[in-house]
Amino acid sequence: MEHLQVVTAWDVRKYSSKKTIPTYEMIEAISFIGSGSEVLACLGIELANMKGKMDGYFLTVGERGVVRIWCLERYVSLHLLSL
């Protein structure tokens, strides 16, 4: 499996990519975080403390074991957790 250093956000309704987000490290795993997900609570992150709490979120796990929580709308890393 090829490990990438970017994440591409897709608009599945229009079948087009919205934006390519550079992660600056090889990505081992990625997951979308839906509203009401317990993932954020397990990491000790309160969604209410994040600006734009209605935005979508996803997480990546990089080659160095770093978990990052990303905002899908603003394309920025909001939280960093080293394992």
N, C-alpha and C. Protein backbone atom coordinates (compact mmCIF):
# COMPACT_ATOMS: atom_id res chain seq x y z
N MET A 1 0.84 -1.18 0.00
CA MET A 1 0.00 0.00 0.00
C MET A 1 0.89 1.24 0.00
N GLU A 2 0.55 2.19 -0.81
CA GLU A 2 1.30 3.43 -0.92
C GLU A 2 0.88 4.38 0.20
N HIS A 3 1.84 5.00 0.85
CA HIS A 3 1.57 5.95 1.91
C HIS A 3 1.74 7.36 1.35
N LEU A 4 0.76 8.19 1.57
CA LEU A 4 0.75 9.52 0.98
C LEU A 4 1.06 10.60 2.00
N GLN A 5 1.46 11.78 1.52
CA GLN A 5 1.71 12.92 2.38
C GLN A 5 0.66 14.01 2.18
N VAL A 6 -0.44 13.66 1.54
CA VAL A 6 -1.54 14.60 1.34
C VAL A 6 -2.87 13.88 1.58
N VAL A 7 -3.89 14.68 1.88
CA VAL A 7 -5.26 14.18 1.99
C VAL A 7 -6.08 14.98 0.99
N THR A 8 -6.86 14.30 0.18
CA THR A 8 -7.72 14.99 -0.78
C THR A 8 -9.16 14.92 -0.29
N ALA A 9 -9.77 16.09 -0.12
CA ALA A 9 -11.18 16.18 0.28
C ALA A 9 -12.02 16.17 -0.99
N TRP A 10 -13.00 15.28 -1.05
CA TRP A 10 -13.84 15.12 -2.23
C TRP A 10 -15.26 15.56 -1.98
N ASP A 11 -15.88 16.15 -2.98
CA ASP A 11 -17.31 16.42 -2.98
C ASP A 11 -17.95 15.26 -3.73
N VAL A 12 -18.54 14.33 -3.00
CA VAL A 12 -19.06 13.12 -3.65
C VAL A 12 -20.33 13.40 -4.45
N ARG A 13 -21.00 14.51 -4.16
CA ARG A 13 -22.19 14.85 -4.95
C ARG A 13 -21.82 15.33 -6.35
N LYS A 14 -20.68 16.04 -6.45
CA LYS A 14 -20.23 16.57 -7.73
C LYS A 14 -19.12 15.75 -8.36
N TYR A 15 -18.68 14.70 -7.66
CA TYR A 15 -17.58 13.85 -8.15
C TYR A 15 -16.33 14.65 -8.48
N SER A 16 -15.99 15.58 -7.59
CA SER A 16 -14.80 16.40 -7.81
C SER A 16 -14.06 16.61 -6.49
N SER A 17 -12.77 16.86 -6.60
CA SER A 17 -12.00 17.13 -5.39
C SER A 17 -12.18 18.59 -4.99
N LYS A 18 -12.30 18.83 -3.69
CA LYS A 18 -12.46 20.19 -3.17
C LYS A 18 -11.11 20.82 -2.89
N LYS A 19 -10.22 20.05 -2.29
CA LYS A 19 -8.93 20.60 -1.90
C LYS A 19 -8.00 19.46 -1.54
N THR A 20 -6.72 19.68 -1.79
CA THR A 20 -5.68 18.75 -1.36
C THR A 20 -4.96 19.37 -0.19
N ILE A 21 -4.91 18.64 0.91
CA ILE A 21 -4.36 19.15 2.16
C ILE A 21 -3.00 18.49 2.41
N PRO A 22 -1.92 19.27 2.45
CA PRO A 22 -0.61 18.67 2.74
C PRO A 22 -0.51 18.32 4.22
N THR A 23 -0.01 17.14 4.52
CA THR A 23 0.13 16.69 5.91
C THR A 23 1.58 16.70 6.38
N TYR A 24 2.51 16.80 5.45
CA TYR A 24 3.94 16.90 5.74
C TYR A 24 4.53 15.68 6.44
N GLU A 25 3.83 14.56 6.37
CA GLU A 25 4.37 13.28 6.81
C GLU A 25 3.57 12.17 6.15
N MET A 26 4.15 11.00 6.07
CA MET A 26 3.47 9.86 5.47
C MET A 26 2.26 9.48 6.33
N ILE A 27 1.13 9.25 5.69
CA ILE A 27 -0.10 8.90 6.40
C ILE A 27 -0.25 7.38 6.44
N GLU A 28 -0.42 6.85 7.64
CA GLU A 28 -0.62 5.42 7.84
C GLU A 28 -2.10 5.07 7.89
N ALA A 29 -2.92 6.00 8.45
CA ALA A 29 -4.36 5.75 8.58
C ALA A 29 -5.10 7.08 8.58
N ILE A 30 -6.35 7.02 8.14
CA ILE A 30 -7.20 8.22 8.11
C ILE A 30 -8.62 7.79 8.42
N SER A 31 -9.37 8.66 9.11
CA SER A 31 -10.75 8.35 9.42
C SER A 31 -11.55 9.64 9.53
N PHE A 32 -12.77 9.61 9.00
CA PHE A 32 -13.69 10.73 9.13
C PHE A 32 -14.28 10.69 10.54
N ILE A 33 -14.46 11.84 11.15
CA ILE A 33 -15.08 11.92 12.47
C ILE A 33 -16.42 12.60 12.30
N GLY A 34 -17.48 11.83 12.41
CA GLY A 34 -18.83 12.37 12.26
C GLY A 34 -19.33 13.02 13.53
N SER A 35 -20.39 13.81 13.40
CA SER A 35 -20.96 14.45 14.58
C SER A 35 -21.47 13.38 15.53
N GLY A 36 -21.26 13.59 16.80
CA GLY A 36 -21.68 12.62 17.80
C GLY A 36 -20.70 11.47 17.99
N SER A 37 -19.56 11.53 17.31
CA SER A 37 -18.56 10.48 17.42
C SER A 37 -17.92 10.49 18.81
N GLU A 38 -17.62 9.33 19.34
CA GLU A 38 -16.96 9.23 20.63
C GLU A 38 -15.45 9.33 20.52
N VAL A 39 -14.92 9.41 19.30
CA VAL A 39 -13.48 9.50 19.10
C VAL A 39 -12.91 10.73 19.80
N LEU A 40 -13.55 11.88 19.61
CA LEU A 40 -13.05 13.10 20.22
C LEU A 40 -13.09 13.02 21.75
N ALA A 41 -14.16 12.45 22.28
CA ALA A 41 -14.27 12.31 23.73
C ALA A 41 -13.19 11.37 24.27
N CYS A 42 -12.89 10.31 23.54
CA CYS A 42 -11.84 9.38 23.96
C CYS A 42 -10.48 10.05 23.99
N LEU A 43 -10.26 11.02 23.13
CA LEU A 43 -9.00 11.75 23.09
C LEU A 43 -8.99 12.93 24.05
N GLY A 44 -10.11 13.15 24.74
CA GLY A 44 -10.19 14.25 25.68
C GLY A 44 -10.39 15.60 25.02
N ILE A 45 -11.00 15.60 23.84
CA ILE A 45 -11.23 16.84 23.09
C ILE A 45 -12.72 17.15 23.14
N GLU A 46 -13.05 18.36 23.55
CA GLU A 46 -14.45 18.76 23.54
C GLU A 46 -14.72 19.57 22.29
N LEU A 47 -15.66 19.12 21.50
CA LEU A 47 -16.00 19.80 20.25
C LEU A 47 -16.48 21.22 20.50
N ALA A 48 -17.10 21.45 21.65
CA ALA A 48 -17.61 22.78 21.97
C ALA A 48 -16.47 23.79 22.10
N ASN A 49 -15.26 23.32 22.41
CA ASN A 49 -14.12 24.22 22.55
C ASN A 49 -13.49 24.58 21.22
N MET A 50 -13.88 23.91 20.16
CA MET A 50 -13.31 24.17 18.84
C MET A 50 -14.18 25.15 18.09
N LYS A 51 -13.55 26.11 17.43
CA LYS A 51 -14.29 27.06 16.62
C LYS A 51 -14.90 26.33 15.43
N GLY A 52 -16.04 26.78 15.00
CA GLY A 52 -16.69 26.17 13.84
C GLY A 52 -17.10 24.74 14.12
N LYS A 53 -17.74 24.51 15.28
CA LYS A 53 -18.02 23.15 15.69
C LYS A 53 -18.94 22.38 14.74
N MET A 54 -19.55 23.07 13.79
CA MET A 54 -20.40 22.39 12.82
C MET A 54 -19.60 21.86 11.64
N ASP A 55 -18.32 22.23 11.55
CA ASP A 55 -17.46 21.75 10.48
C ASP A 55 -17.24 20.24 10.61
N GLY A 56 -16.87 19.59 9.51
CA GLY A 56 -16.50 18.18 9.57
C GLY A 56 -15.06 18.04 10.05
N TYR A 57 -14.76 16.90 10.63
CA TYR A 57 -13.43 16.64 11.14
C TYR A 57 -12.95 15.27 10.67
N PHE A 58 -11.64 15.14 10.57
CA PHE A 58 -11.07 13.83 10.29
C PHE A 58 -9.76 13.72 11.04
N LEU A 59 -9.30 12.49 11.22
CA LEU A 59 -8.03 12.30 11.90
C LEU A 59 -7.09 11.52 11.02
N THR A 60 -5.80 11.81 11.20
CA THR A 60 -4.77 11.07 10.50
C THR A 60 -3.80 10.51 11.53
N VAL A 61 -3.20 9.38 11.20
CA VAL A 61 -2.12 8.82 11.99
C VAL A 61 -0.91 8.76 11.06
N GLY A 62 0.14 9.46 11.45
CA GLY A 62 1.32 9.55 10.62
C GLY A 62 2.33 8.46 10.92
N GLU A 63 3.38 8.44 10.11
CA GLU A 63 4.41 7.41 10.21
C GLU A 63 5.14 7.41 11.54
N ARG A 64 5.14 8.55 12.25
CA ARG A 64 5.81 8.62 13.55
C ARG A 64 4.84 8.39 14.70
N GLY A 65 3.62 7.91 14.40
CA GLY A 65 2.64 7.62 15.42
C GLY A 65 1.92 8.84 15.96
N VAL A 66 1.97 9.94 15.21
CA VAL A 66 1.31 11.18 15.64
C VAL A 66 -0.11 11.19 15.10
N VAL A 67 -1.07 11.38 16.02
CA VAL A 67 -2.49 11.48 15.65
C VAL A 67 -2.82 12.96 15.56
N ARG A 68 -3.38 13.36 14.42
CA ARG A 68 -3.79 14.75 14.24
C ARG A 68 -5.28 14.80 13.94
N ILE A 69 -5.95 15.77 14.56
CA ILE A 69 -7.36 16.03 14.29
C ILE A 69 -7.38 17.25 13.37
N TRP A 70 -8.08 17.11 12.24
CA TRP A 70 -8.13 18.16 11.23
C TRP A 70 -9.55 18.68 11.06
N CYS A 71 -9.67 19.97 10.74
CA CYS A 71 -10.95 20.57 10.39
C CYS A 71 -11.08 20.48 8.87
N LEU A 72 -12.13 19.86 8.41
CA LEU A 72 -12.32 19.64 6.97
C LEU A 72 -12.60 20.93 6.22
N GLU A 73 -13.25 21.88 6.86
CA GLU A 73 -13.59 23.13 6.17
C GLU A 73 -12.42 24.11 6.11
N ARG A 74 -11.60 24.14 7.16
CA ARG A 74 -10.51 25.11 7.21
C ARG A 74 -9.17 24.49 6.84
N TYR A 75 -9.12 23.18 6.72
CA TYR A 75 -7.91 22.47 6.30
C TYR A 75 -6.71 22.75 7.21
N VAL A 76 -6.97 22.78 8.51
CA VAL A 76 -5.89 22.99 9.47
C VAL A 76 -5.93 21.89 10.52
N SER A 77 -4.75 21.59 11.05
CA SER A 77 -4.64 20.63 12.13
C SER A 77 -5.03 21.34 13.42
N LEU A 78 -6.01 20.79 14.14
CA LEU A 78 -6.51 21.44 15.35
C LEU A 78 -5.96 20.84 16.63
N HIS A 79 -5.54 19.58 16.57
CA HIS A 79 -5.09 18.91 17.78
C HIS A 79 -4.02 17.89 17.42
N LEU A 80 -3.07 17.74 18.29
CA LEU A 80 -1.94 16.83 18.06
C LEU A 80 -1.80 15.92 19.26
N LEU A 81 -1.67 14.63 19.03
CA LEU A 81 -1.50 13.65 20.10
C LEU A 81 -0.39 12.70 19.70
N SER A 82 0.69 12.69 20.46
CA SER A 82 1.79 11.77 20.17
C SER A 82 1.57 10.47 20.94
N LEU A 83 1.73 9.37 20.25
CA LEU A 83 1.56 8.07 20.90
C LEU A 83 2.88 7.53 21.38
